[in-house]
Amino acid sequence: MTARHEEIADELRRAIDREEYTVGSRLPSESELAAHYCVSRGTVRQAVATLTAEGLIGSRQGARRVVLASRRSQSFEELRSFAQWARAMGREATGEVVTQEYRPATSEDAVRLQVPVGTQVLHVLRLRGLDGEPVLLERTVYADWISPAVESIEPGCPSVTQRLYDDTGLVFAYGEHIIDAVACGARDAELLGVRRTSPLLRVRRVTTTREGRPVEWSDDRYRPDAVSFSVRNSIGSNALTRKTAE
């Protein structure tokens, strides 16, 4: 059973992410939070200490805690689409197709999608947003067998994953992610509204069906001020592998 102070910490995180408490604003006092959650001030103090350790809030002696950061966090413990994650955070996901075209599969496409080189695969550049704010560029290559279904989806569809499930019954079951940082190019800078050469958080991923059949591979580039990722591990279970840069 989750400890009460952990539940309160999680509720406060969500409130910060929803901007109920914006960066620079003060949290309610310990006594106010204790009354709101019907707990002791000691329990509130434990919850606040957790958020302080995470760098979300800070305080000076004798002053209320101040919100230092609002980071929208995506965990790798479960496979979620961008729209599913946004909805769970109380946000509205948006999507806009910038370009979409068929191209012959390169050797990289062939390896990742398990198709012959030269197979016609669908390349889609999609700009994703949270509440209308651009935060992510997805460069996705779809396997030939699913490309026609993706091509038929309207350009402004907020969730391709949900639409494919509704239309075809496809379930995205497994994902492999490689995370690093890259400098923002001129086109990405224009689309994301950031300066050229700004650092972007890049996630390269391959997604498959339950049977292990590749559906897509993608190069996703996030504005670093918009999204963070979390990975929980233990001595007995570690989903995170550390590698040198490629």
Protein backbone atom coordinates (compact mmCIF):
# COMPACT_ATOMS: atom_id res chain seq x y z
CA MET A 1 0.00 0.00 0.00
CA THR A 2 1.30 3.44 -0.94
CA ALA A 3 2.16 5.62 2.04
CA ARG A 4 -0.08 8.65 2.48
CA HIS A 5 2.76 11.14 2.13
CA GLU A 6 3.68 9.58 -1.22
CA GLU A 7 0.09 9.95 -2.43
CA ILE A 8 0.09 13.61 -1.40
CA ALA A 9 3.44 14.17 -3.12
CA ASP A 10 2.02 12.66 -6.32
CA GLU A 11 -1.10 14.84 -6.13
CA LEU A 12 1.07 17.93 -5.69
CA ARG A 13 3.25 16.90 -8.65
CA ARG A 14 0.15 16.63 -10.82
CA ALA A 15 -1.10 19.99 -9.60
CA ILE A 16 2.25 21.55 -10.52
CA ASP A 17 2.19 19.89 -13.94
CA ARG A 18 -1.35 21.20 -14.51
CA GLU A 19 -0.03 24.65 -13.49
CA GLU A 20 -2.42 24.96 -10.59
CA TYR A 21 0.80 26.05 -8.90
CA THR A 22 2.90 27.84 -11.52
CA VAL A 23 6.65 28.30 -11.45
CA GLY A 24 7.48 31.05 -8.96
CA SER A 25 4.23 30.72 -7.03
CA ARG A 26 4.00 29.61 -3.40
CA LEU A 27 2.39 26.41 -2.18
CA PRO A 28 -0.20 26.62 0.58
CA SER A 29 1.20 26.48 4.10
CA GLU A 30 1.77 23.17 5.90
CA SER A 31 -1.32 23.74 8.03
CA GLU A 32 -3.45 24.52 4.97
CA LEU A 33 -2.22 21.42 3.14
CA ALA A 34 -2.75 19.29 6.25
CA ALA A 35 -6.33 20.51 6.50
CA HIS A 36 -6.92 19.97 2.77
CA TYR A 37 -5.66 16.37 2.83
CA CYS A 38 -6.94 15.60 6.36
CA VAL A 39 -3.50 14.55 7.61
CA SER A 40 -0.96 15.72 10.14
CA ARG A 41 1.56 18.45 9.39
CA GLY A 42 4.28 15.81 9.73
CA THR A 43 2.79 13.84 6.81
CA VAL A 44 2.66 17.01 4.72
CA ARG A 45 6.26 17.76 5.65
CA GLN A 46 7.32 14.33 4.32
CA ALA A 47 5.48 14.93 1.03
CA VAL A 48 7.02 18.37 0.62
CA ALA A 49 10.49 16.99 1.40
CA THR A 50 10.06 14.51 -1.47
CA LEU A 51 9.29 17.29 -3.95
CA THR A 52 12.16 19.37 -2.61
CA ALA A 53 14.56 16.48 -3.20
CA GLU A 54 13.24 16.22 -6.79
CA GLY A 55 13.95 19.90 -7.39
CA LEU A 56 10.31 20.80 -8.00
CA ILE A 57 10.02 23.12 -5.02
CA GLY A 58 12.40 25.05 -2.77
CA SER A 59 12.13 27.05 0.40
CA ARG A 60 13.95 29.37 2.73
CA GLN A 61 13.64 29.20 6.48
CA GLY A 62 10.45 30.88 7.65
CA ALA A 63 9.01 31.20 4.11
CA ARG A 64 6.48 29.16 2.17
CA ARG A 65 7.71 26.65 -0.39
CA VAL A 66 8.10 28.06 -3.88
CA VAL A 67 7.56 26.09 -7.10
CA LEU A 68 10.90 25.95 -8.93
CA ALA A 69 10.01 23.79 -11.92
CA SER A 70 7.13 22.25 -13.79
CA ARG A 71 8.33 19.21 -15.69
CA ARG A 72 5.94 16.96 -17.55
CA SER A 73 7.29 13.51 -16.88
CA GLN A 74 6.95 10.36 -19.00
CA SER A 75 7.75 7.04 -17.36
CA PHE A 76 9.10 4.07 -19.33
CA GLU A 77 7.43 1.60 -16.98
CA GLU A 78 4.52 1.43 -19.39
CA LEU A 79 4.15 2.01 -23.12
CA ARG A 80 1.99 5.07 -23.76
CA SER A 81 1.39 7.16 -26.83
CA PHE A 82 1.96 10.91 -26.65
CA ALA A 83 -1.80 11.55 -26.61
CA GLN A 84 -2.43 8.95 -23.88
CA TRP A 85 0.29 10.49 -21.71
CA ALA A 86 -1.04 14.02 -22.29
CA ARG A 87 -4.56 12.95 -21.39
CA ALA A 88 -3.33 11.32 -18.18
CA MET A 89 -1.73 14.65 -17.26
CA GLY A 90 -4.96 16.55 -17.91
CA ARG A 91 -3.51 18.11 -21.07
CA GLU A 92 -4.82 18.30 -24.61
CA ALA A 93 -2.58 16.69 -27.22
CA THR A 94 -2.45 18.20 -30.69
CA GLY A 95 -0.93 16.85 -33.88
CA GLU A 96 -0.16 18.33 -37.27
CA VAL A 97 1.32 16.46 -40.23
CA VAL A 98 4.07 18.58 -41.78
CA THR A 99 5.07 16.14 -44.53
CA GLN A 100 3.97 12.63 -45.50
CA GLU A 101 5.36 10.54 -48.37
CA TYR A 102 6.32 7.06 -49.44
CA ARG A 103 10.01 6.32 -49.92
CA PRO A 104 12.03 3.18 -50.63
CA ALA A 105 13.22 1.59 -47.40
CA THR A 106 16.86 2.34 -46.60
CA SER A 107 19.14 -0.23 -44.98
CA GLU A 108 18.31 1.34 -41.59
CA ASP A 109 14.57 1.11 -42.29
CA ALA A 110 15.01 -2.49 -43.39
CA VAL A 111 16.75 -3.49 -40.17
CA ARG A 112 14.36 -1.70 -37.85
CA LEU A 113 11.14 -2.66 -39.64
CA GLN A 114 12.28 -6.10 -40.85
CA VAL A 115 11.40 -5.39 -44.48
CA PRO A 116 13.49 -5.77 -47.66
CA VAL A 117 15.57 -2.78 -48.75
CA GLY A 118 13.59 -0.79 -51.32
CA THR A 119 10.17 -1.64 -49.90
CA GLN A 120 7.84 1.37 -50.06
CA VAL A 121 7.40 2.64 -46.49
CA LEU A 122 5.57 5.71 -45.25
CA HIS A 123 7.60 8.62 -43.80
CA VAL A 124 5.65 11.11 -41.67
CA LEU A 125 6.95 14.29 -40.04
CA ARG A 126 4.46 15.30 -37.35
CA LEU A 127 4.49 18.31 -35.01
CA ARG A 128 2.98 17.50 -31.61
CA GLY A 129 1.81 19.96 -29.00
CA LEU A 130 0.43 20.24 -25.49
CA ASP A 131 -2.49 22.64 -25.20
CA GLY A 132 -1.41 24.17 -28.51
CA GLU A 133 2.22 24.65 -27.51
CA PRO A 134 4.70 22.84 -29.82
CA VAL A 135 6.84 20.43 -27.82
CA LEU A 136 7.77 17.50 -30.06
CA LEU A 137 8.72 16.61 -33.62
CA GLU A 138 8.11 13.00 -34.63
CA ARG A 139 9.87 11.58 -37.69
CA THR A 140 8.16 8.24 -38.05
CA VAL A 141 8.63 5.49 -40.62
CA TYR A 142 5.77 3.00 -40.84
CA ALA A 143 6.09 -0.58 -42.07
CA ASP A 144 4.53 -1.31 -45.44
CA TRP A 145 1.73 -3.46 -44.01
CA ILE A 146 0.34 -0.66 -41.82
CA SER A 147 1.20 2.34 -44.03
CA PRO A 148 -2.14 2.47 -45.93
CA ALA A 149 -4.07 2.67 -42.65
CA VAL A 150 -1.83 5.50 -41.40
CA GLU A 151 -2.08 7.33 -44.72
CA SER A 152 -5.88 7.41 -44.48
CA ILE A 153 -5.87 9.21 -41.10
CA GLU A 154 -6.64 12.93 -41.23
CA PRO A 155 -3.58 15.19 -40.73
CA GLY A 156 -4.86 16.79 -37.51
CA CYS A 157 -5.69 13.54 -35.70
CA PRO A 158 -4.51 13.93 -32.07
CA SER A 159 -3.83 10.20 -31.55
CA VAL A 160 -2.68 7.96 -34.38
CA THR A 161 -2.28 5.12 -31.89
CA GLN A 162 -5.94 5.32 -30.84
CA ARG A 163 -7.16 5.70 -34.42
CA LEU A 164 -5.22 2.64 -35.57
CA TYR A 165 -6.73 0.66 -32.72
CA ASP A 166 -10.23 1.88 -33.59
CA ASP A 167 -9.80 1.22 -37.33
CA THR A 168 -7.69 -1.94 -37.39
CA GLY A 169 -7.52 -3.33 -33.85
CA LEU A 170 -3.77 -2.74 -33.79
CA VAL A 171 -2.21 -2.64 -30.32
CA PHE A 172 1.24 -1.11 -29.84
CA ALA A 173 2.59 -3.61 -27.32
CA TYR A 174 6.37 -3.26 -27.03
CA GLY A 175 8.83 -0.43 -27.44
CA GLU A 176 12.61 -0.06 -27.39
CA HIS A 177 13.96 3.44 -26.71
CA ILE A 178 17.37 5.03 -27.18
CA ILE A 179 17.72 8.47 -25.56
CA ASP A 180 20.35 11.12 -26.23
CA ALA A 181 20.68 14.85 -26.96
CA VAL A 182 21.15 16.57 -30.32
CA ALA A 183 21.55 20.14 -31.54
CA CYS A 184 18.48 21.68 -33.13
CA GLY A 185 18.66 22.24 -36.87
CA ALA A 186 17.18 25.19 -38.74
CA ARG A 187 13.94 23.48 -39.73
CA ASP A 188 13.32 21.98 -36.31
CA ALA A 189 14.01 25.36 -34.71
CA GLU A 190 11.38 27.02 -36.88
CA LEU A 191 8.75 24.34 -36.17
CA LEU A 192 9.40 24.14 -32.42
CA GLY A 193 9.89 27.85 -31.89
CA VAL A 194 13.39 27.57 -30.40
CA ARG A 195 16.81 28.85 -31.36
CA ARG A 196 18.93 26.99 -33.87
CA THR A 197 21.55 24.74 -32.16
CA SER A 198 19.42 24.61 -29.00
CA PRO A 199 19.68 21.18 -27.34
CA LEU A 200 16.81 18.78 -28.02
CA LEU A 201 16.03 15.56 -26.19
CA ARG A 202 16.00 12.80 -28.81
CA VAL A 203 14.23 9.48 -28.34
CA ARG A 204 14.70 6.88 -31.06
CA ARG A 205 12.21 4.06 -30.73
CA VAL A 206 10.94 0.93 -32.42
CA THR A 207 7.40 -0.19 -31.62
CA THR A 208 6.03 -3.67 -32.28
CA THR A 209 2.84 -5.70 -31.94
CA ARG A 210 2.34 -8.33 -29.23
CA GLU A 211 3.77 -10.86 -31.67
CA GLY A 212 6.92 -8.78 -32.14
CA ARG A 213 6.08 -7.52 -35.63
CA PRO A 214 7.55 -4.04 -36.16
CA VAL A 215 4.95 -1.34 -36.74
CA GLU A 216 7.06 1.81 -36.82
CA TRP A 217 10.37 3.32 -35.94
CA SER A 218 10.70 6.96 -35.04
CA ASP A 219 13.14 9.74 -34.26
CA ASP A 220 11.34 11.97 -31.73
CA ARG A 221 12.82 15.32 -30.71
CA TYR A 222 11.49 17.12 -27.65
CA ARG A 223 12.02 20.64 -26.41
CA PRO A 224 13.98 20.05 -23.19
CA ASP A 225 12.01 22.68 -21.29
CA ALA A 226 8.76 20.84 -21.96
CA VAL A 227 9.26 17.17 -21.13
CA SER A 228 11.37 14.93 -18.92
CA PHE A 229 11.54 11.15 -18.68
CA SER A 230 11.79 8.89 -15.65
CA VAL A 231 12.97 5.31 -15.27
CA ARG A 232 12.49 3.33 -12.08
CA ASN A 233 14.74 0.35 -11.48
CA SER A 234 15.98 -1.89 -8.71
CA ILE A 235 18.73 -4.39 -8.08
CA GLY A 236 16.40 -7.11 -9.33
CA SER A 237 14.88 -5.33 -12.30
CA ASN A 238 16.55 -2.77 -14.53
CA ALA A 239 14.93 -1.73 -17.79
CA LEU A 240 17.58 0.93 -18.40
CA THR A 241 20.80 0.05 -20.24
CA ARG A 242 23.69 2.49 -20.22
CA LYS A 243 25.73 2.69 -23.45
CA THR A 244 28.35 4.93 -24.99
CA ALA A 245 27.14 7.43 -27.58
CA GLU A 246 26.74 6.10 -31.10
